[in-house]
Protein backbone atom coordinates (compact mmCIF):
# COMPACT_ATOMS: atom_id res chain seq x y z
CA MET A 1 -6.48 6.80 21.66
CA LYS A 2 -7.04 8.26 18.05
CA GLN A 3 -6.81 6.25 14.61
CA LEU A 4 -3.63 4.73 14.06
CA PHE A 5 -1.94 5.62 10.44
CA ILE A 6 -0.06 4.06 7.73
CA ILE A 7 -0.09 4.45 4.10
CA LEU A 8 0.94 1.31 1.84
CA ALA A 9 3.22 3.28 -0.23
CA ALA A 10 4.28 2.42 -3.47
CA ALA A 11 7.65 2.88 -3.07
CA ALA A 12 8.59 0.60 0.13
CA ALA A 13 6.43 -2.28 1.70
CA ILE A 14 5.84 -0.52 4.75
CA ALA A 15 3.88 1.56 6.37
CA THR A 16 5.00 5.27 6.82
CA PRO A 17 3.15 8.24 8.88
CA ALA A 18 1.02 10.62 6.23
CA ALA A 19 -2.25 11.95 7.63
CA LYS A 20 -4.27 11.64 3.82
CA ALA A 21 -3.53 8.21 4.08
CA GLU A 22 -6.83 8.05 7.30
CA THR A 23 -9.85 7.52 4.96
CA TRP A 24 -10.40 5.28 2.25
CA THR A 25 -12.79 5.04 -0.26
CA LEU A 26 -14.77 1.81 -1.69
CA GLY A 27 -17.02 2.65 -4.12
CA THR A 28 -19.72 5.88 -2.70
CA THR A 29 -18.19 4.52 0.43
CA ALA A 30 -15.97 6.72 3.06
CA TYR A 31 -14.04 4.80 5.09
CA ALA A 32 -12.08 5.50 8.24
CA VAL A 33 -8.79 3.62 8.61
CA ASP A 34 -7.69 1.76 11.62
CA THR A 35 -4.52 -0.17 11.71
CA LEU A 36 -4.30 -3.09 13.38
CA GLN A 37 -1.47 -4.59 13.04
CA HIS A 38 2.64 -4.21 10.86
CA TYR A 39 4.53 -6.86 11.34
CA LYS A 40 7.54 -7.98 9.27
CA ALA A 41 6.27 -11.68 8.22
CA GLY A 42 9.23 -12.85 6.49
CA PRO A 43 12.15 -11.43 4.13
CA GLY A 44 10.94 -8.27 1.74
CA THR A 45 7.33 -9.05 3.34
CA TYR A 46 5.06 -7.24 5.97
CA VAL A 47 1.58 -7.97 6.97
CA THR A 48 -0.82 -5.59 7.53
CA VAL A 49 -4.71 -5.97 8.92
CA VAL A 50 -6.73 -2.58 9.02
CA GLU A 51 -10.80 -2.10 9.89
CA LEU A 52 -12.25 0.35 7.92
CA THR A 53 -15.35 1.74 9.76
CA SER A 54 -18.01 3.47 8.32
CA SER A 55 -21.80 4.92 8.91
CA ALA A 56 -23.06 1.93 7.40
CA ARG A 57 -20.92 -1.15 7.73
CA LYS A 58 -17.21 -2.30 8.70
CA GLN A 59 -14.53 -3.96 6.80
CA LYS A 60 -11.52 -5.92 7.80
CA VAL A 61 -8.81 -6.30 5.04
CA PHE A 62 -5.57 -8.10 5.44
CA ILE A 63 -2.47 -7.20 3.11
CA SER A 64 0.82 -9.20 2.23
CA ALA A 65 3.21 -6.68 0.76
CA THR A 66 6.59 -7.98 -0.78
CA ASP A 67 9.20 -6.67 -2.60
CA LEU A 68 10.02 -9.55 -5.04
CA THR A 69 13.47 -8.17 -5.63
CA ALA A 70 14.60 -8.69 -1.77
CA ASP A 71 17.39 -11.69 -1.07
CA GLY A 72 15.74 -14.62 -0.65
CA VAL A 73 11.99 -14.17 -1.24
CA GLU A 74 10.83 -16.49 -3.89
CA LEU A 75 7.40 -17.05 -5.81
CA ARG A 76 6.27 -20.41 -5.64
CA THR A 77 2.94 -21.79 -6.59
CA ILE A 78 0.76 -25.04 -5.14
CA ASN A 79 -2.00 -27.12 -6.84
CA GLY A 80 -4.12 -28.89 -4.66
CA LYS A 81 -2.27 -32.62 -3.36
CA ASP A 82 0.46 -31.99 -6.32
CA ASN A 83 -2.32 -32.71 -8.85
CA LEU A 84 -4.92 -30.81 -11.17
CA LYS A 85 -8.55 -32.30 -9.58
CA SER A 86 -7.78 -32.18 -5.55
CA THR A 87 -8.29 -29.59 -2.78
CA VAL A 88 -7.25 -28.63 0.65
CA THR A 89 -6.64 -26.13 2.49
CA VAL A 90 -3.76 -23.48 1.96
CA PRO A 91 -2.66 -23.95 5.23
CA GLN A 92 -2.56 -27.87 4.45
CA MET A 93 -0.64 -26.76 1.28
CA VAL A 94 2.56 -25.79 3.31
CA THR A 95 2.16 -29.02 5.40
CA ASN A 96 1.87 -31.21 2.34
CA HIS A 97 5.07 -29.47 1.27
CA ALA A 98 6.99 -28.86 4.90
CA SER A 99 10.41 -31.14 3.45
CA ASP A 100 10.62 -29.72 -0.25
CA GLY A 101 13.24 -26.71 1.40
CA TYR A 102 11.39 -23.81 0.86
CA THR A 103 9.70 -21.73 3.87
CA TYR A 104 6.21 -20.52 2.92
CA VAL A 105 6.27 -16.75 4.54
CA ALA A 106 2.60 -15.57 3.14
CA GLY A 107 -0.11 -17.06 0.84
CA VAL A 108 -3.72 -16.43 -0.39
CA ASN A 109 -5.77 -18.84 -2.49
CA SER A 110 -5.87 -18.48 -6.32
CA ASP A 111 -7.53 -20.09 -9.06
CA LEU A 112 -11.27 -20.45 -8.96
CA PHE A 113 -11.73 -23.88 -10.00
CA SER A 114 -13.91 -26.35 -11.95
CA VAL A 115 -14.31 -30.26 -12.19
CA THR A 116 -11.33 -31.11 -14.20
CA GLY A 117 -9.08 -28.49 -11.71
CA PRO A 118 -8.40 -24.57 -11.86
CA ILE A 119 -9.88 -22.85 -14.25
CA GLY A 120 -6.85 -20.73 -15.85
CA THR A 121 -3.48 -21.45 -17.17
CA THR A 122 -1.68 -22.81 -14.20
CA VAL A 123 2.23 -23.13 -13.64
CA VAL A 124 3.76 -24.75 -10.90
CA ASN A 125 7.17 -24.17 -9.94
CA GLY A 126 8.63 -25.02 -13.67
CA GLU A 127 6.14 -27.59 -14.50
CA VAL A 128 3.11 -26.65 -16.48
CA TYR A 129 0.32 -28.25 -15.15
CA LYS A 130 -2.34 -26.61 -17.44
CA THR A 131 -3.14 -24.16 -20.75
CA ALA A 132 -6.74 -23.41 -20.51
CA LYS A 133 -8.28 -23.56 -23.76
CA VAL A 134 -8.48 -19.35 -25.00
CA SER A 135 -12.47 -19.29 -25.04
CA THR A 136 -13.06 -19.39 -21.72
CA ALA A 137 -11.83 -16.46 -21.53
CA TRP A 138 -9.65 -16.88 -18.17
CA ARG A 139 -6.79 -14.08 -17.04
CA ALA A 140 -3.38 -14.83 -15.42
CA VAL A 141 -1.07 -13.51 -13.20
CA ALA A 142 2.58 -14.65 -13.80
CA GLN A 143 6.17 -13.44 -13.25
CA ASP A 144 9.20 -13.11 -15.46
CA PRO A 145 12.36 -14.87 -12.96
CA ALA A 146 14.80 -12.70 -15.28
CA THR A 147 13.15 -9.37 -13.96
CA LYS A 148 10.98 -10.23 -11.33
CA GLU A 149 8.18 -8.56 -12.68
CA LEU A 150 4.55 -9.47 -12.55
CA TYR A 151 2.32 -9.28 -15.54
CA PHE A 152 -1.58 -9.66 -16.35
CA GLY A 153 -3.97 -10.31 -19.12
CA ASN A 154 -4.55 -13.36 -21.61
CA PRO A 155 -1.92 -16.06 -20.93
CA SER A 156 -1.13 -18.50 -23.66
CA VAL A 157 2.28 -20.53 -25.26
CA ASN A 158 3.36 -21.85 -28.26
CA PHE A 159 4.44 -25.30 -28.02
CA GLY A 160 7.42 -26.50 -30.22
CA ALA A 161 8.05 -30.14 -30.78
CA LYS A 162 11.00 -32.27 -32.76
CA LEU A 163 10.84 -36.03 -33.54
CA ASN A 164 13.80 -37.90 -33.90
CA GLY A 165 15.04 -34.59 -34.37
CA VAL A 166 12.72 -32.88 -37.51
CA THR A 167 10.10 -30.69 -36.10
CA GLU A 168 6.60 -31.67 -36.27
CA TYR A 169 3.79 -32.79 -34.26
CA ALA A 170 3.79 -29.66 -31.98
CA PRO A 171 1.22 -29.94 -28.76
CA SER A 172 -1.19 -26.88 -28.83
CA LEU A 173 -2.29 -27.64 -25.28
CA VAL A 174 -2.02 -29.65 -21.82
CA ASN A 175 -3.97 -31.29 -19.58
CA VAL A 176 -7.72 -30.23 -20.77
CA PRO A 177 -10.32 -31.92 -22.05
CA ARG A 178 -9.65 -32.50 -26.02
CA ALA A 179 -12.12 -31.28 -28.82
CA GLU A 180 -12.12 -32.48 -32.99
CA GLY A 181 -8.52 -31.32 -34.16
CA GLU A 182 -6.09 -31.02 -31.60
CA CYS A 183 -3.10 -33.08 -30.19
CA ILE A 184 -3.18 -32.32 -26.09
CA ILE A 185 -0.19 -33.12 -23.95
CA TYR A 186 -1.67 -35.49 -20.59
CA THR A 187 0.11 -35.95 -17.43
CA ARG A 188 0.19 -37.45 -14.44
CA ARG A 189 -1.45 -33.81 -13.17
CA TRP A 190 -4.43 -34.00 -15.07
CA GLY A 191 -4.80 -38.19 -14.02
CA THR A 192 -3.88 -41.72 -14.72
CA THR A 193 -5.38 -41.98 -17.90
CA THR A 194 -6.36 -39.65 -20.77
CA SER A 195 -9.83 -39.64 -20.36
CA THR A 196 -10.55 -39.44 -24.14
CA THR A 197 -13.03 -41.05 -26.02
CA LYS A 198 -12.64 -44.68 -27.19
CA GLY A 199 -13.34 -45.77 -30.76
CA GLU A 200 -12.36 -42.41 -32.21
CA ALA A 201 -9.97 -41.71 -34.70
CA GLN A 202 -7.44 -41.01 -32.66
CA ILE A 203 -3.60 -42.36 -32.14
CA GLU A 204 -2.10 -41.76 -28.73
CA VAL A 205 1.68 -42.62 -27.66
CA ALA A 206 3.44 -42.55 -24.12
CA LEU A 207 6.77 -40.89 -24.03
CA ARG A 208 8.61 -40.44 -21.01
CA PRO A 209 10.03 -37.29 -19.56
CA ALA A 210 13.94 -37.47 -19.41
CA ASP A 211 13.96 -36.29 -15.95
CA GLY A 212 9.87 -36.80 -15.31
CA VAL A 213 8.86 -33.27 -15.97
CA PHE A 214 7.15 -31.04 -18.30
CA TYR A 215 8.81 -28.49 -17.89
CA SER A 216 7.37 -24.43 -18.40
CA ASP A 217 11.13 -23.14 -18.68
CA LYS A 218 13.29 -25.55 -21.15
CA PRO A 219 12.52 -28.32 -23.37
CA THR A 220 11.68 -31.16 -22.03
CA VAL A 221 13.30 -34.23 -23.93
CA CYS A 222 11.25 -37.67 -23.75
CA THR A 223 11.71 -41.20 -25.95
CA VAL A 224 9.11 -43.48 -26.67
CA VAL A 225 7.79 -45.92 -24.27
CA SER A 226 5.78 -48.40 -26.37
CA ALA A 227 4.21 -48.30 -30.01
CA PRO A 228 1.52 -45.99 -30.59
CA VAL A 229 -1.94 -46.88 -29.81
CA LYS A 230 -4.61 -45.82 -32.27
CA ASN A 231 -8.10 -45.24 -32.01
CA GLY A 232 -7.75 -46.96 -28.52
CA GLY A 233 -8.43 -44.16 -26.45
CA SER A 234 -8.76 -43.03 -22.75
CA MET A 235 -4.64 -44.52 -22.32
CA ALA A 236 -3.01 -45.45 -19.14
CA ILE A 237 -0.52 -42.40 -17.93
CA PRO A 238 2.33 -44.58 -16.56
CA GLU A 239 4.12 -43.56 -13.48
CA GLY A 240 6.65 -40.61 -14.71
CA CYS A 241 5.28 -40.49 -18.07
CA ILE A 242 3.09 -38.85 -20.43
CA VAL A 243 0.60 -39.10 -23.19
CA LEU A 244 0.49 -37.22 -26.71
CA SER A 245 -3.09 -37.39 -27.59
CA SER A 246 -3.75 -36.21 -30.98
CA ASN A 247 -6.46 -36.97 -33.46
CA ILE A 248 -5.51 -34.87 -36.18
CA THR A 249 -5.36 -36.94 -39.20
CA LYS A 250 -1.85 -36.55 -40.90
CA HIS A 251 -0.66 -37.02 -36.68
CA ILE A 252 -2.48 -40.21 -36.89
CA ASN A 253 -1.02 -41.86 -40.12
CA ASP A 254 2.03 -40.73 -38.95
CA LEU A 255 3.26 -40.99 -35.07
CA GLY A 256 1.63 -44.72 -35.87
CA LEU A 257 5.38 -45.28 -37.53
CA LEU A 258 7.24 -44.36 -34.19
CA LYS A 259 8.32 -47.01 -31.58
CA ALA A 260 9.81 -47.71 -28.48
CA GLY A 261 13.09 -45.87 -28.06
CA ASP A 262 12.38 -43.00 -30.71
CA THR A 263 12.95 -39.41 -29.54
CA TYR A 264 10.47 -36.46 -29.06
CA THR A 265 11.46 -33.47 -27.51
CA ILE A 266 8.91 -30.66 -26.78
CA THR A 267 9.57 -26.62 -26.14
CA PRO A 268 7.58 -23.54 -24.72
CA SER A 269 8.85 -21.42 -27.78
CA THR A 270 6.74 -18.36 -26.03
CA TRP A 271 4.72 -17.60 -23.21
CA ASN A 272 2.46 -14.53 -23.74
CA MET A 273 0.89 -12.08 -21.60
CA ALA A 274 -1.39 -10.06 -23.42
CA GLY A 275 -2.66 -7.34 -21.96
CA ASN A 276 -6.74 -7.06 -21.47
CA ALA A 277 -7.12 -2.83 -22.74
CA PHE A 278 -4.54 -0.59 -21.61
CA GLY A 279 -1.72 -3.10 -21.14
CA VAL A 280 1.99 -3.65 -22.46
CA SER A 281 1.69 -7.36 -24.27
CA HIS A 282 4.51 -9.10 -22.35
CA SER A 283 6.59 -12.64 -23.94
CA PHE A 284 8.44 -14.58 -21.26
CA ARG A 285 11.42 -16.38 -22.55
CA GLU A 286 11.41 -18.76 -19.19
CA LEU A 287 8.50 -18.68 -16.78
CA LYS A 288 8.37 -20.87 -13.25
CA VAL A 289 5.13 -19.72 -11.93
CA MET A 290 1.54 -18.87 -13.52
CA ASN A 291 -2.21 -19.10 -11.77
CA GLY A 292 -5.69 -18.18 -13.52
CA GLY A 293 -7.93 -15.34 -11.82
CA ASN A 294 -10.57 -13.25 -13.56
CA PRO A 295 -11.25 -10.27 -14.10
CA VAL A 296 -8.43 -8.14 -13.94
CA LEU A 297 -9.26 -4.97 -12.23
CA TYR A 298 -7.02 -2.71 -12.78
CA GLU A 299 -4.22 -2.16 -15.00
CA ASN A 300 -1.53 0.12 -15.67
CA GLY A 301 -3.55 2.72 -13.56
CA THR A 302 -6.77 2.54 -14.75
CA GLU A 303 -9.85 0.39 -13.86
CA LEU A 304 -11.02 -1.74 -16.22
CA ALA A 305 -14.78 -1.60 -14.78
CA SER A 306 -16.52 -3.92 -17.69
CA SER A 307 -14.79 -6.60 -16.64
CA GLN A 308 -15.80 -6.19 -13.21
CA GLN A 309 -19.35 -8.22 -13.71
CA TYR A 310 -16.98 -11.06 -14.85
CA MET A 311 -16.54 -11.88 -11.16
CA PRO A 312 -18.77 -13.94 -9.04
CA ASN A 313 -21.55 -12.03 -7.67
CA HIS A 314 -20.20 -8.83 -8.87
CA ASP A 315 -22.95 -7.27 -7.17
CA SER A 316 -23.42 -8.49 -3.80
CA ARG A 317 -20.90 -8.17 -0.33
CA ARG A 318 -18.97 -11.05 -0.65
CA PRO A 319 -15.11 -11.64 0.66
CA ARG A 320 -12.50 -11.19 -2.29
CA THR A 321 -8.64 -12.22 -2.50
CA GLY A 322 -6.64 -9.87 -5.44
CA LEU A 323 -3.77 -10.04 -6.00
CA GLY A 324 -2.16 -6.73 -7.19
CA CYS A 325 1.66 -5.27 -8.08
CA ASP A 326 2.06 -1.26 -7.95
CA ASP A 327 4.07 0.94 -11.52
CA SER A 328 7.41 -1.31 -10.96
CA ARG A 329 5.57 -4.05 -11.13
CA THR A 330 8.00 -5.80 -8.13
CA LEU A 331 5.92 -4.50 -5.42
CA MET A 332 3.23 -6.95 -4.86
CA ARG A 333 0.12 -7.23 -2.79
CA MET A 334 -1.86 -9.80 -1.55
CA VAL A 335 -5.65 -8.70 -0.16
CA VAL A 336 -8.53 -10.84 1.38
CA VAL A 337 -11.26 -9.23 2.90
CA ASP A 338 -13.70 -10.91 4.73
CA GLY A 339 -17.55 -11.30 4.72
CA ASP A 340 -20.33 -13.67 4.91
CA ASN A 341 -22.65 -14.23 7.60
CA THR A 342 -19.34 -15.79 9.99
CA ASN A 343 -18.47 -12.06 10.18
CA LYS A 344 -21.32 -10.23 10.94
CA GLY A 345 -20.34 -7.22 12.16
CA VAL A 346 -17.17 -7.38 11.54
CA SER A 347 -17.10 -7.42 8.18
CA ALA A 348 -19.48 -6.70 5.64
CA GLY A 349 -17.11 -7.80 2.27
CA CYS A 350 -16.87 -5.62 -0.72
CA THR A 351 -19.09 -5.70 -3.89
CA ALA A 352 -16.53 -5.98 -7.37
CA LYS A 353 -16.61 -2.23 -7.53
CA GLU A 354 -15.37 -1.81 -4.63
CA PHE A 355 -12.83 -5.02 -3.89
CA ALA A 356 -11.40 -2.99 -7.04
CA ASP A 357 -11.29 0.52 -5.12
CA LEU A 358 -9.77 -1.43 -1.97
CA MET A 359 -6.91 -3.16 -4.86
CA LYS A 360 -5.76 0.76 -5.49
CA VAL A 361 -5.80 2.54 -3.03
CA THR A 362 -3.47 -0.60 -0.92
CA GLY A 363 -0.86 0.65 -3.81
CA CYS A 364 -2.34 -1.21 -7.03
CA THR A 365 -2.08 -0.29 -10.85
CA ASN A 366 -1.90 -3.66 -12.05
CA ALA A 367 -4.42 -6.59 -9.96
CA ILE A 368 -6.43 -8.87 -10.84
CA ASN A 369 -9.48 -11.43 -8.61
CA PHE A 370 -8.60 -14.41 -7.40
CA ASP A 371 -11.18 -16.82 -6.56
CA GLY A 372 -13.53 -15.13 -3.27
CA GLY A 373 -16.62 -16.32 -1.11
CA GLY A 374 -16.14 -19.14 1.28
CA SER A 375 -12.31 -19.54 -0.49
CA SER A 376 -10.98 -16.10 0.49
CA ILE A 377 -8.11 -17.09 2.47
CA MET A 378 -4.74 -15.13 3.83
CA TYR A 379 -1.94 -17.63 5.70
CA THR A 380 1.48 -16.62 6.55
CA HIS A 381 4.34 -18.18 8.12
CA ALA A 382 4.11 -17.33 11.90
CA PHE A 383 0.70 -17.51 12.66
CA GLY A 384 -0.86 -19.37 9.97
CA MET A 385 -4.26 -18.69 8.70
CA ILE A 386 -4.63 -15.01 9.74
CA ASN A 387 -8.27 -14.09 8.69
CA LYS A 388 -11.39 -15.75 9.37
CA PRO A 389 -13.32 -17.36 5.62
CA SER A 390 -16.49 -18.43 5.69
CA GLY A 391 -15.80 -21.18 4.25
CA GLY A 392 -14.52 -22.87 7.18
CA ALA A 393 -13.10 -20.94 10.04
CA THR A 394 -11.41 -23.25 11.59
CA ALA A 395 -8.87 -24.20 8.62
CA GLY A 396 -10.47 -22.72 5.07
CA ARG A 397 -11.86 -24.17 2.45
CA ALA A 398 -10.37 -26.82 0.15
CA VAL A 399 -8.87 -25.16 -2.68
CA THR A 400 -7.46 -26.33 -5.43
CA THR A 401 -4.27 -23.04 -5.85
CA GLY A 402 -2.26 -21.12 -3.62
CA TRP A 403 0.00 -18.40 -4.40
CA PHE A 404 2.88 -18.01 -1.98
CA VAL A 405 6.36 -15.41 -1.15
CA ALA A 406 8.70 -17.89 -0.06
CA THR A 407 11.81 -18.60 1.01
CA ALA A 408 14.69 -21.01 0.63
CA VAL A 409 16.90 -19.33 3.33
CA PRO A 410 17.28 -22.09 6.53
CA ASN A 411 15.16 -21.35 8.81
CA ASN A 412 16.67 -21.50 12.15
CA SER A 413 15.41 -19.91 16.10
CA GLU A 414 18.01 -18.03 16.83
CA MET A 415 16.96 -14.67 17.23
CA VAL A 416 18.98 -11.87 15.67
CA ALA A 417 16.90 -8.76 14.95
CA ILE A 418 13.46 -6.97 16.41
CA GLU A 419 10.24 -5.18 15.04
CA PHE A 420 7.01 -3.78 16.72
CA ALA A 421 4.58 -6.38 16.63
CA HIS A 422 2.04 -2.65 15.42
CA PRO A 423 2.38 -0.28 13.25
CA ASN A 424 3.35 3.50 13.13
CA GLN A 425 1.49 4.53 16.50
CA THR A 426 -1.47 8.02 17.50
CA LEU A 427 -1.29 8.92 20.76
CA GLU A 428 -3.34 11.75 22.53
CA ILE A 429 -1.56 13.17 25.96
CA GLY A 430 -1.88 10.75 28.59
CA ASP A 431 -1.88 7.73 27.22
CA LYS A 432 -0.33 4.32 27.83
CA PHE A 433 1.64 2.01 25.16
CA SER A 434 2.42 -1.28 25.66
CA PRO A 435 4.12 -3.02 22.34
CA VAL A 436 4.94 -6.82 21.55
CA ILE A 437 8.18 -7.36 19.79
CA TYR A 438 8.35 -9.72 17.10
CA GLY A 439 12.10 -11.44 17.80
CA TYR A 440 13.82 -12.61 14.01
CA ASN A 441 16.46 -15.25 12.69
CA ASN A 442 18.99 -14.90 9.99
CA ALA A 443 16.05 -15.88 7.39
CA GLY A 444 13.98 -12.91 8.73
CA LEU A 445 12.08 -15.10 9.46
CA ILE A 446 9.70 -14.87 12.92
CA VAL A 447 11.09 -16.86 15.92
CA ASN A 448 9.66 -15.47 19.08
CA LYS A 449 6.34 -13.99 18.74
CA ASN A 450 6.63 -12.05 22.02
CA VAL A 451 10.42 -11.26 22.93
CA ALA A 452 10.20 -10.12 26.45
CA ASN A 453 13.72 -8.87 27.64
CA PHE A 454 12.90 -5.27 25.79
CA THR A 455 13.03 -1.73 27.07
CA LEU A 456 11.60 0.85 25.22
CA ILE A 457 13.57 4.11 24.71
CA ALA A 458 11.53 7.43 24.24
CA PRO A 459 13.36 10.64 22.83
CA GLU A 460 12.72 13.78 25.18
CA GLY A 461 9.53 15.02 24.59
CA LEU A 462 7.66 12.17 23.72
CA GLY A 463 7.14 10.70 27.32
CA THR A 464 7.72 8.90 30.06
CA VAL A 465 8.73 4.89 30.19
CA SER A 466 7.67 2.34 33.38
CA ALA A 467 10.48 1.04 35.38
CA ASP A 468 9.80 -2.06 33.86
CA GLY A 469 11.21 -0.16 30.75
CA LYS A 470 7.94 -1.97 29.02
CA THR A 471 5.51 0.67 28.89
CA LEU A 472 5.59 4.56 27.19
CA THR A 473 3.27 7.06 29.01
CA VAL A 474 2.40 9.98 26.49
CA THR A 475 3.26 13.42 27.51
CA GLY A 476 4.47 16.09 24.54
CA ASP A 477 3.25 16.98 21.69
CA GLY A 478 5.14 16.24 18.18
CA THR A 479 6.10 13.36 15.83
CA TYR A 480 8.72 11.36 17.44
CA ARG A 481 10.77 8.31 16.67
CA LEU A 482 10.00 5.46 19.35
CA GLU A 483 12.92 2.78 20.02
CA ALA A 484 12.86 -0.88 21.50
CA LYS A 485 16.20 -2.47 22.21
CA VAL A 486 17.36 -5.94 22.85
CA GLY A 487 20.66 -6.59 23.89
CA GLY A 488 22.77 -4.65 21.05
CA MET A 489 19.41 -5.48 18.54
CA LYS A 490 16.82 -2.32 17.92
CA CYS A 491 13.85 -1.33 16.40
CA TYR A 492 11.62 1.59 16.18
CA ILE A 493 8.32 3.31 15.31
CA ALA A 494 7.67 6.44 14.65
CA VAL A 495 4.48 7.53 17.05
CA ARG A 496 2.40 11.31 16.78
CA ALA A 497 1.85 12.25 19.80
CA GLY A 498 -1.28 14.43 21.59
CA ASP A 499 -1.41 17.77 19.30
CA TYR A 500 1.07 16.09 16.56
CA LYS A 501 0.85 19.23 14.20
CA VAL A 502 2.61 21.05 16.09
CA ASN A 503 5.69 19.35 13.84
CA SER A 504 3.85 18.92 11.01
CA GLY A 505 1.50 22.19 9.82
CA ALA A 506 -1.36 22.56 10.11
CA ASP A 507 -2.77 22.21 6.72
CA ALA A 508 0.68 20.39 5.49
CA PRO A 509 0.27 16.43 4.81
CA GLU A 510 4.27 15.80 4.88
CA ILE A 511 5.54 15.60 8.20
CA ALA A 512 9.13 16.51 7.92
CA PRO A 513 9.98 19.38 5.76
CA ALA A 514 11.10 19.08 2.29
CA ASP A 515 14.75 20.46 2.43
CA ALA A 516 15.70 18.40 6.20
CA PRO A 517 17.85 16.27 5.55
CA VAL A 518 17.44 12.68 5.39
CA GLU A 519 19.41 10.27 7.31
CA TYR A 520 19.68 6.25 6.89
CA TYR A 521 19.89 3.75 9.52
CA ASN A 522 20.07 0.10 9.69
CA LEU A 523 17.78 -2.11 11.68
CA GLN A 524 20.05 -2.43 14.94
CA GLY A 525 20.10 1.43 14.89
CA MET A 526 23.59 2.25 13.15
CA ARG A 527 24.19 5.29 11.01
CA VAL A 528 24.41 3.88 6.58
CA GLU A 529 25.99 6.85 5.16
CA ASN A 530 25.57 4.52 1.58
CA PRO A 531 23.06 2.20 2.18
CA GLU A 532 23.18 -1.06 -0.55
CA THR A 533 19.70 -3.10 -0.75
CA GLY A 534 17.31 -3.78 2.49
CA VAL A 535 15.71 -2.85 4.52
CA TYR A 536 16.60 0.57 6.53
CA ILE A 537 15.41 3.52 8.80
CA ARG A 538 14.59 6.57 7.02
CA ARG A 539 15.34 9.67 8.96
CA GLN A 540 14.23 13.28 7.94
CA GLY A 541 13.31 15.56 10.46
CA SER A 542 11.23 14.30 12.75
CA ASP A 543 9.70 11.88 9.26
CA VAL A 544 11.01 8.61 10.74
CA ARG A 545 9.94 5.74 8.37
CA LYS A 546 11.44 1.83 7.48
CA VAL A 547 11.72 1.70 3.40
CA ILE A 548 12.94 -0.77 1.60
CA ILE A 549 15.88 0.21 -1.42
């Protein structure tokens, strides 16, 4: 069998036939690309597994591509056991949130972590977990909920505050160790006490948020629980409360006058993401998810090569995890490459420079590095952990944060659509192809990993189908659309057969002539004249591909 063919196009989170995509160059090494798997994982999301082979080494790469504007798609983050200082595996994060009303379609480990939790600013589903100090020089990624776009760079936030209706005493940071001249908010995500030093000149006051949450996207209205404590330190954080802790002289004097029942309202007036070099700085009117990472690898199509020295083990071949998007900022890639001795002979891992190149060839013009090494993991709803992490091959290493594609569409077991569990195929004359077919429910989630009662339908010229309808034998040349059918459900992939260049021209990169008419079909095979937003089969001459519109 010839190499399978795939290109992760900027216009669609799916495989499209193009011969030029059969070689990827990472650093100075050119790799032949063999697509091992390519399938729909959930709403707007496709997962692709590729094997890269050179004369020196192999790499195994796991790619999740999501259209963030697709119906039912949401981004969600999870932090340990829902606090900053705990760690759990990525699959366990999902298990712990089984009752929160979401199905977690795909996810990766995200921020690196220290003894006080993730290093970078962390916002979890509309709640502020942590705002990192600028001195950490740590980067981040966040989504604008209004446009669904991703932004990467240097995060910051300004809080406004009103005490009994008067603007004053705004905190500067959340859930970080307090230094001189700082006013910090501590929540139960930090721990049960503020951990400030006892006896220092300071003031701490317990506040009860009306909803028990310190919001990232709207005002948090609090009432004072009890009289402030001066020079006490390490104040207990009551359940459902937060603590305002300050060692600013004016705060110590004025906040000491507070009494139980007074009101204190905190509002994130602006969230900002400043581009490192070439990017457009962005301000968020609201913010629901942000995770730290470092360094930013690509910004508006420009490689930030100088920042790669800040990546851990930047000159070593290690497993890596990254997050990126294309120019639209709404087509997201999560990318994991395996490595270390656990994957010896199967996947060598990447240097920092090679990983930046990998993010680029998978379609990213903006990208950030997440935690790597033994922490690198990719999870999917249908199959759990799909790579082989060196930090724990059974369940993965316990980490502090995870970045997920999720859907709130109710999950059920009724199969309403089918898809090939394979990428487009390149086959020799005489090759036999017996596909696996996945079944999907109305939420776009896999509910049957091996549909048994399908029938293949091959167009004239491609080949013959076995009597049981399960195996194609290639007999012809060209590029064709292979169909699988279960009742009224249909799905398709493109097959390049034999001397497929008969159809495309010996040197032409495109399979179909540019002037061939374009037709669209829904996933049940019905012609659609004016397609609206959704997933369709696009056919132009012999070029058949699945596209997101």
